[in-house]
Each structure stands twice: as structure tokens, then as C-alpha cells.
N, C-alpha and C. Protein backbone atom coordinates (compact mmCIF):
# COMPACT_ATOMS: atom_id res chain seq x y z
N MET A 1 44.66 13.92 14.88
CA MET A 1 43.86 12.88 15.53
C MET A 1 43.74 13.12 17.03
N LYS A 2 44.87 13.46 17.69
CA LYS A 2 44.83 13.73 19.13
C LYS A 2 43.93 14.92 19.43
N LYS A 3 44.01 15.95 18.57
CA LYS A 3 43.19 17.14 18.76
C LYS A 3 41.72 16.78 18.66
N ARG A 4 41.37 15.89 17.72
CA ARG A 4 39.99 15.47 17.55
C ARG A 4 39.49 14.70 18.76
N ARG A 5 40.33 13.78 19.28
CA ARG A 5 39.94 13.01 20.46
C ARG A 5 39.74 13.93 21.66
N TYR A 6 40.62 14.92 21.79
CA TYR A 6 40.49 15.89 22.88
C TYR A 6 39.18 16.65 22.74
N SER A 7 38.85 17.05 21.50
CA SER A 7 37.62 17.79 21.25
C SER A 7 36.40 16.96 21.62
N GLU A 8 36.41 15.66 21.26
CA GLU A 8 35.29 14.78 21.57
C GLU A 8 35.14 14.58 23.07
N LYS A 9 36.28 14.42 23.76
CA LYS A 9 36.23 14.25 25.22
C LYS A 9 35.70 15.51 25.89
N PHE A 10 36.12 16.66 25.40
CA PHE A 10 35.65 17.92 25.97
C PHE A 10 34.15 18.09 25.71
N GLN A 11 33.71 17.68 24.52
CA GLN A 11 32.29 17.76 24.18
C GLN A 11 31.46 16.90 25.12
N ILE A 12 31.94 15.68 25.38
CA ILE A 12 31.24 14.79 26.31
C ILE A 12 31.23 15.37 27.72
N PHE A 13 32.36 15.96 28.12
CA PHE A 13 32.45 16.60 29.43
C PHE A 13 31.40 17.70 29.58
N VAL A 14 31.31 18.57 28.56
CA VAL A 14 30.33 19.66 28.58
C VAL A 14 28.91 19.10 28.61
N TYR A 15 28.67 18.09 27.77
CA TYR A 15 27.34 17.47 27.69
C TYR A 15 26.91 16.93 29.05
N LYS A 16 27.80 16.19 29.71
CA LYS A 16 27.45 15.57 30.99
C LYS A 16 27.20 16.63 32.07
N ARG A 17 27.98 17.70 32.04
CA ARG A 17 27.78 18.76 33.03
C ARG A 17 26.42 19.43 32.83
N ILE A 18 26.10 19.74 31.58
CA ILE A 18 24.81 20.38 31.28
C ILE A 18 23.66 19.44 31.61
N ALA A 19 23.80 18.16 31.23
CA ALA A 19 22.76 17.18 31.52
C ALA A 19 22.54 17.05 33.02
N GLY A 20 23.63 17.08 33.78
CA GLY A 20 23.52 16.99 35.24
C GLY A 20 22.76 18.14 35.84
N VAL A 21 23.00 19.35 35.34
CA VAL A 21 22.28 20.53 35.84
C VAL A 21 20.79 20.41 35.55
N PHE A 22 20.45 20.05 34.31
CA PHE A 22 19.03 19.94 33.94
C PHE A 22 18.35 18.78 34.65
N ARG A 23 19.09 17.71 34.92
CA ARG A 23 18.51 16.59 35.65
C ARG A 23 18.10 17.02 37.06
N LYS A 24 18.94 17.81 37.70
CA LYS A 24 18.60 18.33 39.03
C LYS A 24 17.38 19.24 38.98
N LEU A 25 17.30 20.06 37.92
CA LEU A 25 16.15 20.96 37.78
C LEU A 25 14.87 20.17 37.56
N LEU A 26 14.93 19.13 36.73
CA LEU A 26 13.74 18.31 36.47
C LEU A 26 13.29 17.58 37.73
N LYS A 27 14.25 17.12 38.53
CA LYS A 27 13.89 16.46 39.78
C LYS A 27 13.29 17.46 40.77
N TRP A 28 13.83 18.67 40.77
CA TRP A 28 13.36 19.70 41.70
C TRP A 28 11.94 20.15 41.37
N PHE A 29 11.72 20.49 40.10
CA PHE A 29 10.42 21.03 39.70
C PHE A 29 9.37 19.95 39.44
N TYR A 30 9.79 18.80 38.91
CA TYR A 30 8.82 17.83 38.42
C TYR A 30 8.96 16.43 39.03
N ASN A 31 9.73 16.33 40.11
CA ASN A 31 9.86 15.05 40.81
C ASN A 31 10.16 13.91 39.83
N LEU A 32 11.12 14.12 38.96
CA LEU A 32 11.46 13.18 37.90
C LEU A 32 11.79 11.79 38.46
N GLU A 33 11.13 10.77 37.91
CA GLU A 33 11.38 9.38 38.29
C GLU A 33 11.79 8.59 37.05
N VAL A 34 12.77 7.70 37.21
CA VAL A 34 13.29 6.92 36.08
C VAL A 34 13.27 5.44 36.44
N TYR A 35 12.71 4.63 35.54
CA TYR A 35 12.65 3.18 35.74
C TYR A 35 13.23 2.47 34.52
N GLY A 36 13.83 1.31 34.76
CA GLY A 36 14.35 0.49 33.67
C GLY A 36 15.69 0.94 33.12
N ILE A 37 16.40 1.77 33.87
CA ILE A 37 17.69 2.26 33.38
C ILE A 37 18.67 1.11 33.18
N GLU A 38 18.43 0.00 33.88
CA GLU A 38 19.31 -1.17 33.72
C GLU A 38 19.18 -1.80 32.33
N ASN A 39 18.14 -1.42 31.59
CA ASN A 39 17.95 -1.95 30.24
C ASN A 39 18.79 -1.22 29.18
N ILE A 40 19.47 -0.15 29.59
CA ILE A 40 20.29 0.63 28.66
C ILE A 40 21.71 0.08 28.64
N PRO A 41 22.20 -0.41 27.50
CA PRO A 41 23.59 -0.87 27.43
C PRO A 41 24.55 0.29 27.74
N LEU A 42 25.58 0.03 28.50
CA LEU A 42 26.54 1.07 28.86
C LEU A 42 27.54 1.34 27.76
N GLU A 43 27.56 0.50 26.75
CA GLU A 43 28.42 0.74 25.59
C GLU A 43 27.81 0.06 24.37
N GLY A 44 28.29 0.45 23.21
CA GLY A 44 27.76 -0.11 21.97
C GLY A 44 26.54 0.65 21.47
N PRO A 45 26.13 0.40 20.23
CA PRO A 45 25.02 1.13 19.63
C PRO A 45 23.68 0.79 20.26
N VAL A 46 22.83 1.78 20.34
CA VAL A 46 21.47 1.57 20.86
C VAL A 46 20.57 2.68 20.33
N ILE A 47 19.31 2.32 20.08
CA ILE A 47 18.31 3.28 19.61
C ILE A 47 17.26 3.46 20.70
N ILE A 48 17.04 4.70 21.11
CA ILE A 48 16.01 5.02 22.10
C ILE A 48 14.77 5.48 21.34
N ALA A 49 13.63 4.85 21.62
CA ALA A 49 12.39 5.14 20.88
C ALA A 49 11.26 5.50 21.84
N PRO A 50 11.08 6.79 22.14
CA PRO A 50 10.02 7.22 23.06
C PRO A 50 8.78 7.76 22.33
N ASN A 51 7.67 7.84 23.08
CA ASN A 51 6.52 8.61 22.61
C ASN A 51 6.91 10.09 22.63
N HIS A 52 6.18 10.91 21.86
CA HIS A 52 6.60 12.32 21.71
C HIS A 52 5.38 13.24 21.76
N ARG A 53 5.11 13.78 22.96
CA ARG A 53 3.95 14.66 23.12
C ARG A 53 4.27 15.94 23.87
N SER A 54 5.55 16.22 24.04
CA SER A 54 5.92 17.40 24.82
C SER A 54 7.22 18.00 24.30
N SER A 55 7.35 19.31 24.50
CA SER A 55 8.59 20.00 24.15
C SER A 55 9.73 19.63 25.10
N LEU A 56 9.41 18.93 26.18
CA LEU A 56 10.42 18.53 27.16
C LEU A 56 11.04 17.17 26.85
N ASP A 57 10.49 16.45 25.88
CA ASP A 57 10.86 15.04 25.70
C ASP A 57 12.35 14.81 25.47
N VAL A 58 12.96 15.58 24.58
CA VAL A 58 14.38 15.38 24.30
C VAL A 58 15.22 15.65 25.55
N LEU A 59 14.88 16.71 26.26
CA LEU A 59 15.60 17.05 27.49
C LEU A 59 15.46 15.95 28.53
N VAL A 60 14.26 15.40 28.65
CA VAL A 60 14.02 14.33 29.63
C VAL A 60 14.89 13.11 29.32
N ILE A 61 14.94 12.72 28.06
CA ILE A 61 15.76 11.56 27.68
C ILE A 61 17.25 11.86 27.87
N ALA A 62 17.68 13.03 27.42
CA ALA A 62 19.10 13.39 27.51
C ALA A 62 19.60 13.43 28.94
N THR A 63 18.75 13.81 29.88
CA THR A 63 19.19 13.94 31.27
C THR A 63 19.04 12.67 32.09
N THR A 64 18.32 11.67 31.57
CA THR A 64 18.11 10.45 32.35
C THR A 64 18.95 9.28 31.87
N LEU A 65 19.55 9.39 30.69
CA LEU A 65 20.41 8.31 30.20
C LEU A 65 21.82 8.45 30.76
N PRO A 66 22.51 7.32 30.97
CA PRO A 66 23.89 7.38 31.47
C PRO A 66 24.91 7.70 30.38
N ARG A 67 24.44 7.88 29.14
CA ARG A 67 25.33 8.13 28.01
C ARG A 67 24.83 9.32 27.19
N PRO A 68 25.73 10.04 26.52
CA PRO A 68 25.29 11.12 25.62
C PRO A 68 24.48 10.56 24.46
N ILE A 69 23.58 11.37 23.92
CA ILE A 69 22.75 10.93 22.81
C ILE A 69 22.97 11.78 21.57
N LYS A 70 22.64 11.19 20.43
CA LYS A 70 22.46 11.92 19.18
C LYS A 70 20.96 11.90 18.91
N ALA A 71 20.38 13.05 18.62
CA ALA A 71 18.92 13.13 18.47
C ALA A 71 18.54 13.70 17.11
N LEU A 72 17.63 13.01 16.42
CA LEU A 72 17.07 13.55 15.19
C LEU A 72 16.00 14.57 15.56
N GLY A 73 16.06 15.76 14.95
CA GLY A 73 15.09 16.81 15.26
C GLY A 73 14.77 17.64 14.04
N LYS A 74 13.58 18.22 14.02
CA LYS A 74 13.17 18.98 12.83
C LYS A 74 14.10 20.17 12.62
N ILE A 75 14.40 20.43 11.37
CA ILE A 75 15.42 21.41 11.00
C ILE A 75 15.05 22.82 11.44
N GLU A 76 13.75 23.11 11.58
CA GLU A 76 13.34 24.46 11.98
C GLU A 76 13.96 24.89 13.30
N ARG A 77 14.13 23.94 14.21
CA ARG A 77 14.69 24.27 15.52
C ARG A 77 16.18 24.62 15.44
N PHE A 78 16.84 24.15 14.41
CA PHE A 78 18.27 24.40 14.27
C PHE A 78 18.56 25.74 13.60
N LYS A 79 17.51 26.43 13.17
CA LYS A 79 17.69 27.72 12.49
C LYS A 79 17.85 28.88 13.47
N TYR A 80 17.51 28.63 14.75
CA TYR A 80 17.76 29.66 15.77
C TYR A 80 19.27 29.74 16.01
N PRO A 81 19.88 30.93 15.87
CA PRO A 81 21.35 31.05 15.90
C PRO A 81 22.01 30.38 17.09
N ILE A 82 21.57 30.72 18.30
CA ILE A 82 22.24 30.18 19.50
C ILE A 82 21.85 28.73 19.73
N PHE A 83 20.54 28.46 19.72
CA PHE A 83 20.07 27.09 19.98
C PHE A 83 20.60 26.12 18.93
N GLY A 84 20.56 26.55 17.66
CA GLY A 84 20.98 25.67 16.58
C GLY A 84 22.43 25.23 16.70
N ARG A 85 23.32 26.18 16.95
CA ARG A 85 24.74 25.85 17.08
C ARG A 85 24.98 24.96 18.30
N PHE A 86 24.29 25.28 19.39
CA PHE A 86 24.45 24.53 20.62
C PHE A 86 23.93 23.10 20.44
N ALA A 87 22.77 22.97 19.77
CA ALA A 87 22.18 21.65 19.55
C ALA A 87 23.08 20.78 18.69
N ARG A 88 23.63 21.36 17.64
CA ARG A 88 24.55 20.61 16.78
C ARG A 88 25.80 20.18 17.56
N TYR A 89 26.31 21.09 18.39
CA TYR A 89 27.51 20.80 19.17
C TYR A 89 27.28 19.61 20.10
N LEU A 90 26.07 19.51 20.64
CA LEU A 90 25.77 18.45 21.59
C LEU A 90 25.19 17.21 20.92
N GLY A 91 25.22 17.17 19.59
CA GLY A 91 24.84 15.93 18.91
C GLY A 91 23.52 15.94 18.19
N GLY A 92 22.88 17.10 18.04
CA GLY A 92 21.62 17.16 17.33
C GLY A 92 21.80 16.96 15.84
N ILE A 93 20.86 16.22 15.22
CA ILE A 93 20.90 15.97 13.78
C ILE A 93 19.64 16.56 13.16
N PRO A 94 19.75 17.66 12.39
CA PRO A 94 18.57 18.30 11.80
C PRO A 94 17.95 17.45 10.69
N VAL A 95 16.61 17.42 10.67
CA VAL A 95 15.89 16.62 9.69
C VAL A 95 14.90 17.50 8.93
N LYS A 96 14.96 17.43 7.60
CA LYS A 96 13.95 18.08 6.76
C LYS A 96 12.76 17.14 6.67
N ARG A 97 11.56 17.63 7.06
CA ARG A 97 10.42 16.73 7.19
C ARG A 97 9.59 16.58 5.92
N GLU A 98 9.78 17.46 4.92
CA GLU A 98 8.94 17.41 3.74
C GLU A 98 9.14 16.10 2.96
N ASN A 99 10.39 15.70 2.79
CA ASN A 99 10.72 14.48 2.07
C ASN A 99 11.73 13.69 2.90
N ILE A 100 12.11 12.53 2.38
CA ILE A 100 13.13 11.74 3.07
C ILE A 100 14.45 12.51 3.05
N ASP A 101 14.99 12.79 4.22
CA ASP A 101 16.23 13.54 4.33
C ASP A 101 17.40 12.56 4.37
N LEU A 102 18.00 12.32 3.21
CA LEU A 102 19.08 11.33 3.11
C LEU A 102 20.29 11.71 3.94
N SER A 103 20.55 13.00 4.07
CA SER A 103 21.68 13.46 4.87
C SER A 103 21.49 13.10 6.34
N ALA A 104 20.27 13.33 6.86
CA ALA A 104 19.97 13.00 8.25
C ALA A 104 20.01 11.49 8.47
N VAL A 105 19.49 10.74 7.51
CA VAL A 105 19.53 9.28 7.60
C VAL A 105 20.98 8.79 7.67
N LYS A 106 21.81 9.34 6.80
CA LYS A 106 23.23 8.97 6.78
C LYS A 106 23.90 9.28 8.11
N ASP A 107 23.63 10.48 8.65
CA ASP A 107 24.23 10.87 9.93
C ASP A 107 23.75 9.97 11.06
N GLY A 108 22.46 9.61 11.03
CA GLY A 108 21.92 8.72 12.06
C GLY A 108 22.55 7.34 12.01
N LEU A 109 22.66 6.80 10.80
CA LEU A 109 23.29 5.48 10.63
C LEU A 109 24.75 5.50 11.06
N GLU A 110 25.43 6.58 10.73
CA GLU A 110 26.84 6.71 11.12
C GLU A 110 27.00 6.73 12.63
N ALA A 111 26.10 7.44 13.31
CA ALA A 111 26.16 7.51 14.77
C ALA A 111 25.99 6.12 15.39
N ILE A 112 25.03 5.36 14.86
CA ILE A 112 24.79 4.01 15.39
C ILE A 112 26.00 3.12 15.13
N ARG A 113 26.53 3.19 13.93
CA ARG A 113 27.67 2.33 13.57
C ARG A 113 28.93 2.69 14.34
N LYS A 114 28.98 3.90 14.86
CA LYS A 114 30.11 4.31 15.69
C LYS A 114 29.90 3.89 17.15
N GLY A 115 28.77 3.23 17.42
CA GLY A 115 28.51 2.74 18.76
C GLY A 115 27.86 3.76 19.67
N GLU A 116 27.17 4.75 19.09
CA GLU A 116 26.55 5.81 19.88
C GLU A 116 25.08 5.53 20.15
N VAL A 117 24.47 6.42 20.93
CA VAL A 117 23.05 6.32 21.26
C VAL A 117 22.27 7.27 20.35
N LEU A 118 21.29 6.74 19.62
CA LEU A 118 20.49 7.57 18.72
C LEU A 118 19.06 7.64 19.24
N LEU A 119 18.54 8.85 19.37
CA LEU A 119 17.16 9.07 19.80
C LEU A 119 16.29 9.32 18.58
N ILE A 120 15.26 8.48 18.40
CA ILE A 120 14.30 8.65 17.31
C ILE A 120 12.89 8.50 17.87
N PHE A 121 12.01 9.43 17.51
CA PHE A 121 10.61 9.34 17.93
C PHE A 121 9.81 8.62 16.85
N PRO A 122 9.20 7.46 17.17
CA PRO A 122 8.40 6.73 16.17
C PRO A 122 7.26 7.58 15.61
N GLU A 123 6.73 8.49 16.42
CA GLU A 123 5.61 9.33 15.98
C GLU A 123 6.06 10.52 15.13
N GLY A 124 7.37 10.70 15.02
CA GLY A 124 7.88 11.83 14.25
C GLY A 124 7.77 13.10 15.04
N THR A 125 6.85 13.97 14.67
CA THR A 125 6.68 15.25 15.34
C THR A 125 5.94 15.10 16.66
N ARG A 126 5.98 16.16 17.48
CA ARG A 126 5.22 16.16 18.73
C ARG A 126 3.74 16.09 18.40
N LEU A 127 2.99 15.29 19.15
CA LEU A 127 1.57 15.09 18.88
C LEU A 127 0.73 15.78 19.94
N ARG A 128 -0.17 16.66 19.49
CA ARG A 128 -1.09 17.32 20.43
C ARG A 128 -2.01 16.28 21.05
N ARG A 129 -2.34 16.50 22.32
CA ARG A 129 -3.18 15.54 23.03
C ARG A 129 -4.58 15.43 22.44
N ASP A 130 -5.06 16.50 21.79
CA ASP A 130 -6.41 16.50 21.24
C ASP A 130 -6.46 16.02 19.78
N LYS A 131 -5.34 15.52 19.28
CA LYS A 131 -5.28 15.11 17.88
C LYS A 131 -5.29 13.59 17.70
N GLY A 132 -5.44 12.84 18.78
CA GLY A 132 -5.47 11.39 18.65
C GLY A 132 -4.10 10.81 18.35
N ASP A 133 -4.10 9.64 17.71
CA ASP A 133 -2.84 8.95 17.43
C ASP A 133 -2.22 9.47 16.14
N ALA A 134 -0.91 9.50 16.12
CA ALA A 134 -0.19 9.93 14.93
C ALA A 134 -0.04 8.76 13.96
N LYS A 135 0.19 9.07 12.70
CA LYS A 135 0.54 8.05 11.73
C LYS A 135 2.00 7.69 11.99
N ILE A 136 2.23 6.47 12.41
CA ILE A 136 3.56 6.06 12.84
C ILE A 136 4.52 5.96 11.65
N LYS A 137 5.70 6.53 11.82
CA LYS A 137 6.72 6.45 10.78
C LYS A 137 7.42 5.09 10.89
N ARG A 138 8.11 4.68 9.81
CA ARG A 138 8.83 3.40 9.86
C ARG A 138 10.31 3.59 10.14
N GLY A 139 10.70 4.83 10.53
CA GLY A 139 12.11 5.13 10.72
C GLY A 139 12.81 4.21 11.70
N ILE A 140 12.14 3.91 12.82
CA ILE A 140 12.74 3.01 13.82
C ILE A 140 13.08 1.67 13.18
N GLY A 141 12.11 1.11 12.46
CA GLY A 141 12.33 -0.18 11.81
C GLY A 141 13.45 -0.13 10.79
N TYR A 142 13.52 0.97 10.05
CA TYR A 142 14.57 1.12 9.04
C TYR A 142 15.95 1.12 9.68
N PHE A 143 16.14 1.96 10.70
CA PHE A 143 17.44 2.05 11.37
C PHE A 143 17.79 0.73 12.06
N ALA A 144 16.79 0.08 12.66
CA ALA A 144 17.04 -1.19 13.34
C ALA A 144 17.42 -2.28 12.34
N ALA A 145 16.76 -2.28 11.17
CA ALA A 145 17.05 -3.29 10.15
C ALA A 145 18.44 -3.09 9.55
N LYS A 146 18.82 -1.85 9.35
CA LYS A 146 20.11 -1.55 8.73
C LYS A 146 21.29 -1.81 9.66
N THR A 147 21.08 -1.64 10.96
CA THR A 147 22.20 -1.69 11.90
C THR A 147 22.15 -2.85 12.88
N LYS A 148 20.96 -3.44 13.07
CA LYS A 148 20.74 -4.50 14.07
C LYS A 148 21.02 -4.00 15.49
N ALA A 149 21.00 -2.71 15.68
CA ALA A 149 21.19 -2.14 17.03
C ALA A 149 19.95 -2.42 17.88
N PRO A 150 20.11 -2.67 19.17
CA PRO A 150 18.94 -2.86 20.04
C PRO A 150 18.12 -1.59 20.13
N VAL A 151 16.81 -1.76 20.17
CA VAL A 151 15.88 -0.63 20.29
C VAL A 151 15.20 -0.68 21.65
N ILE A 152 15.21 0.44 22.36
CA ILE A 152 14.60 0.52 23.69
C ILE A 152 13.27 1.28 23.59
N PRO A 153 12.11 0.58 23.60
CA PRO A 153 10.84 1.29 23.67
C PRO A 153 10.77 2.06 24.99
N THR A 154 10.41 3.33 24.92
CA THR A 154 10.49 4.20 26.09
C THR A 154 9.20 5.00 26.26
N ALA A 155 8.67 5.00 27.46
CA ALA A 155 7.45 5.75 27.76
C ALA A 155 7.78 6.97 28.60
N ILE A 156 7.40 8.14 28.10
CA ILE A 156 7.53 9.39 28.86
C ILE A 156 6.14 9.78 29.34
N ILE A 157 5.97 9.89 30.64
CA ILE A 157 4.66 10.12 31.23
C ILE A 157 4.64 11.44 32.00
N GLY A 158 3.66 12.27 31.72
CA GLY A 158 3.48 13.51 32.47
C GLY A 158 4.06 14.75 31.83
N ALA A 159 5.04 14.59 30.94
CA ALA A 159 5.67 15.77 30.32
C ALA A 159 4.69 16.55 29.47
N ASP A 160 3.70 15.84 28.87
CA ASP A 160 2.72 16.52 28.02
C ASP A 160 1.78 17.41 28.83
N ASN A 161 1.63 17.12 30.11
CA ASN A 161 0.82 17.99 30.98
C ASN A 161 1.58 19.25 31.38
N ILE A 162 2.90 19.17 31.35
CA ILE A 162 3.74 20.29 31.77
C ILE A 162 4.06 21.23 30.61
N TRP A 163 4.38 20.65 29.46
CA TRP A 163 4.71 21.49 28.30
C TRP A 163 4.21 20.85 27.02
N PRO A 164 2.90 20.96 26.74
CA PRO A 164 2.35 20.41 25.50
C PRO A 164 2.77 21.26 24.30
N PRO A 165 2.67 20.71 23.09
CA PRO A 165 3.13 21.42 21.89
C PRO A 165 2.47 22.77 21.67
N GLU A 166 1.22 22.90 22.11
CA GLU A 166 0.49 24.15 21.83
C GLU A 166 0.85 25.29 22.78
N LYS A 167 1.65 25.00 23.81
CA LYS A 167 2.04 26.03 24.77
C LYS A 167 3.46 26.53 24.50
N LYS A 168 3.68 27.83 24.70
CA LYS A 168 5.01 28.41 24.46
C LYS A 168 5.97 28.20 25.62
N LEU A 169 5.42 28.07 26.83
CA LEU A 169 6.26 27.91 28.02
C LEU A 169 5.73 26.77 28.88
N PRO A 170 6.62 26.11 29.65
CA PRO A 170 6.18 25.01 30.51
C PRO A 170 5.59 25.49 31.82
N ARG A 171 4.76 24.65 32.42
CA ARG A 171 4.33 24.88 33.80
C ARG A 171 5.52 24.59 34.72
N LEU A 172 5.49 25.15 35.90
CA LEU A 172 6.58 24.95 36.85
C LEU A 172 6.22 23.95 37.94
N SER A 173 5.22 23.14 37.66
CA SER A 173 4.84 22.08 38.60
C SER A 173 4.32 20.90 37.81
N GLY A 174 4.30 19.75 38.44
CA GLY A 174 3.86 18.54 37.77
C GLY A 174 4.77 17.38 38.13
N LYS A 175 4.59 16.27 37.43
CA LYS A 175 5.40 15.09 37.71
C LYS A 175 5.73 14.38 36.39
N ILE A 176 6.99 13.97 36.25
CA ILE A 176 7.44 13.28 35.05
C ILE A 176 8.01 11.92 35.43
N LYS A 177 7.60 10.92 34.66
CA LYS A 177 8.12 9.57 34.86
C LYS A 177 8.62 9.04 33.51
N VAL A 178 9.77 8.37 33.52
CA VAL A 178 10.32 7.76 32.31
C VAL A 178 10.52 6.27 32.57
N ILE A 179 10.03 5.46 31.64
CA ILE A 179 10.18 4.01 31.78
C ILE A 179 10.87 3.45 30.54
N TYR A 180 12.06 2.91 30.73
CA TYR A 180 12.81 2.28 29.64
C TYR A 180 12.51 0.79 29.63
N SER A 181 11.92 0.30 28.54
CA SER A 181 11.56 -1.11 28.44
C SER A 181 12.77 -1.95 28.03
N LYS A 182 12.58 -3.26 28.00
CA LYS A 182 13.65 -4.16 27.58
C LYS A 182 13.92 -3.99 26.08
N PRO A 183 15.16 -4.19 25.66
CA PRO A 183 15.51 -3.96 24.25
C PRO A 183 14.88 -4.96 23.30
N LEU A 184 14.59 -4.47 22.10
CA LEU A 184 14.13 -5.31 21.00
C LEU A 184 15.21 -5.34 19.92
N ILE A 185 15.37 -6.50 19.29
CA ILE A 185 16.33 -6.64 18.20
C ILE A 185 15.57 -6.97 16.92
N TYR A 186 15.84 -6.23 15.87
CA TYR A 186 15.19 -6.50 14.58
C TYR A 186 15.69 -7.83 14.04
N ASP A 187 14.75 -8.72 13.75
CA ASP A 187 15.11 -10.05 13.25
C ASP A 187 14.23 -10.36 12.05
N GLY A 188 14.80 -10.30 10.89
CA GLY A 188 14.00 -10.58 9.70
C GLY A 188 14.58 -9.92 8.48
N GLU A 189 13.82 -9.98 7.40
CA GLU A 189 14.27 -9.40 6.15
C GLU A 189 14.24 -7.87 6.22
N HIS A 190 15.09 -7.28 5.39
CA HIS A 190 15.17 -5.82 5.34
C HIS A 190 14.22 -5.32 4.24
N ASN A 191 12.92 -5.16 4.61
CA ASN A 191 11.96 -4.64 3.64
C ASN A 191 10.95 -3.75 4.35
N ARG A 192 10.20 -3.00 3.58
CA ARG A 192 9.32 -1.97 4.12
C ARG A 192 8.27 -2.53 5.08
N SER A 193 7.61 -3.62 4.70
CA SER A 193 6.54 -4.16 5.54
C SER A 193 7.08 -4.65 6.88
N LYS A 194 8.25 -5.29 6.87
CA LYS A 194 8.85 -5.77 8.12
C LYS A 194 9.28 -4.60 9.00
N GLU A 195 9.79 -3.55 8.37
CA GLU A 195 10.20 -2.37 9.13
C GLU A 195 8.99 -1.71 9.78
N GLU A 196 7.88 -1.62 9.05
CA GLU A 196 6.66 -1.05 9.61
C GLU A 196 6.13 -1.92 10.75
N GLU A 197 6.20 -3.22 10.55
CA GLU A 197 5.74 -4.16 11.58
C GLU A 197 6.57 -4.01 12.86
N PHE A 198 7.87 -3.87 12.71
CA PHE A 198 8.75 -3.70 13.87
C PHE A 198 8.44 -2.39 14.58
N THR A 199 8.28 -1.31 13.82
CA THR A 199 7.98 -0.01 14.41
C THR A 199 6.66 -0.04 15.16
N ASN A 200 5.65 -0.70 14.58
CA ASN A 200 4.36 -0.82 15.26
C ASN A 200 4.48 -1.61 16.56
N LYS A 201 5.36 -2.61 16.56
CA LYS A 201 5.58 -3.39 17.79
C LYS A 201 6.18 -2.51 18.88
N VAL A 202 7.12 -1.65 18.50
CA VAL A 202 7.72 -0.71 19.46
C VAL A 202 6.64 0.18 20.06
N MET A 203 5.76 0.72 19.21
CA MET A 203 4.69 1.60 19.70
C MET A 203 3.68 0.85 20.55
N GLU A 204 3.42 -0.42 20.23
CA GLU A 204 2.51 -1.23 21.04
C GLU A 204 3.03 -1.37 22.47
N ILE A 205 4.34 -1.59 22.59
CA ILE A 205 4.95 -1.71 23.92
C ILE A 205 4.83 -0.40 24.68
N ILE A 206 5.12 0.71 24.00
CA ILE A 206 5.02 2.03 24.64
C ILE A 206 3.59 2.30 25.09
N ASN A 207 2.62 2.04 24.21
CA ASN A 207 1.22 2.30 24.54
C ASN A 207 0.73 1.40 25.67
N GLN A 208 1.24 0.15 25.72
CA GLN A 208 0.87 -0.75 26.81
C GLN A 208 1.37 -0.21 28.15
N ILE A 209 2.59 0.31 28.17
CA ILE A 209 3.13 0.91 29.40
C ILE A 209 2.28 2.11 29.81
N LEU A 210 1.93 2.96 28.85
CA LEU A 210 1.11 4.14 29.14
C LEU A 210 -0.25 3.75 29.70
N ARG A 211 -0.86 2.69 29.14
CA ARG A 211 -2.16 2.22 29.64
C ARG A 211 -2.04 1.71 31.07
N GLU A 212 -0.99 0.93 31.33
CA GLU A 212 -0.81 0.37 32.68
C GLU A 212 -0.60 1.47 33.72
N VAL A 213 0.17 2.49 33.36
CA VAL A 213 0.40 3.60 34.28
C VAL A 213 -0.89 4.37 34.52
N ARG A 214 -1.68 4.59 33.45
CA ARG A 214 -2.94 5.31 33.59
C ARG A 214 -3.91 4.55 34.51
N ILE A 215 -3.99 3.23 34.33
CA ILE A 215 -4.87 2.41 35.18
C ILE A 215 -4.41 2.48 36.63
N GLU A 216 -3.10 2.41 36.85
CA GLU A 216 -2.56 2.48 38.21
C GLU A 216 -2.86 3.83 38.85
N ASN A 217 -2.74 4.90 38.06
CA ASN A 217 -3.03 6.24 38.58
C ASN A 217 -4.50 6.39 38.94
N GLU A 218 -5.38 5.78 38.15
CA GLU A 218 -6.82 5.86 38.42
C GLU A 218 -7.17 5.12 39.71
N LYS A 219 -6.44 4.04 39.99
CA LYS A 219 -6.68 3.29 41.23
C LYS A 219 -6.29 4.12 42.45
N ASN A 220 -5.21 4.91 42.27
CA ASN A 220 -4.73 5.72 43.39
C ASN A 220 -5.47 7.04 43.50
């Protein structure tokens, strides 16, 4: 037991050091700005639910939160020998996208019930800017209904201009802004329609933030 606790503490130590390095790099190259960090509970379970249009999104969230995260990610990324082992070590949870991955669902629920931070993208995969809106998954609603953990709708702005899904490498200039909204709590019956309704509400909040930022940018 002591060895396990030591291992977990060391893992968190490594995570925070790596996150700190990348946070400095993001601020240096992309003038990273973070708003609403006061909406993130400093302890207890929480689900982070951002839009997903860039290969930088997970890194942006991981480096701007005050706590380590567990992130659901497509299994293909975990098949790279070095990246895969490193991602798992730092809390990555591989997901098979063809069907419902019960193993990933179980791992995600376990992380929340242990009081950890779980990152889930309502849109599922990264969405190309020229493909319009994605068909929203109900995963956020499902996890929120099962655990009653607070959900933080999160808007990532500008990352898609720096590293969109169709590009192999990021640009070395640009600006990234992250806005963490106030938490939502799932309140209602545990059924499919309510879960979809909750997930759509999360996306409505994210899209409203994105619209407001776009209007503000057009004024300037």
C-alpha cells in the first residue's frame, strides 16, 4: 500500500512538472490566456467538457487546470510505443470508437468515483472546421447521471487555427484562450433522453461562449 501511494505521488509530481513546462511553452508561443479557473473545484470529482477541434486540445486543458486529469482518447493514439506508454502513465484512457467501449466507460467512472478530474469531449473526435457541427455524443450526460459529478462546459478558442486535425504539425504562432464556465449538475432521471438533453445543454453553453468571443473579436 505504501509503495502504491508513493508511486501515485511520484506520478503526480512528474505530471505537474511536465504540465508546467508545456504551460510555459504555450504562453510563450501562443499567448495562452485562461478564464474561469475559479470554477474548477480544487478537490472532489469533476468532469471537464470542452469543444474539440484541434490536436492541441488535451494539452491545453492538461496545462491550464490546477489538478491532474484523466482523459478519454481514441485507442489509435495509444498504439504508438513511446506516446502510448507515456499517455497511460499520465492518466490516458484508450477508447475503441467502433462500439461502446465498456472497459473505457468503467475506467472513466472509476476515476470520477475516486474524486479525480475526467476530460471528455462531447463532440467525440476532433472536428474539422470545414465539416460543420458534429453529431453530439451523450457520453457527458451518461457520466454525469451515473456519478452526479459537476460538469464544467469549457471553450477552447484559437487552437484550431494553430493545429487543425488535417495538419500534421502546429503553427508556431497564434493565440489560445480557454474559458471554464460555471459547473452544471445533472438533475433528473437516469435515461437516454435526459442524458442527451444534458449533453446538448453543455454544448449550447460552449457554443454561446464561442459566439460571444467571435462577436467581440469582430468588434476589435
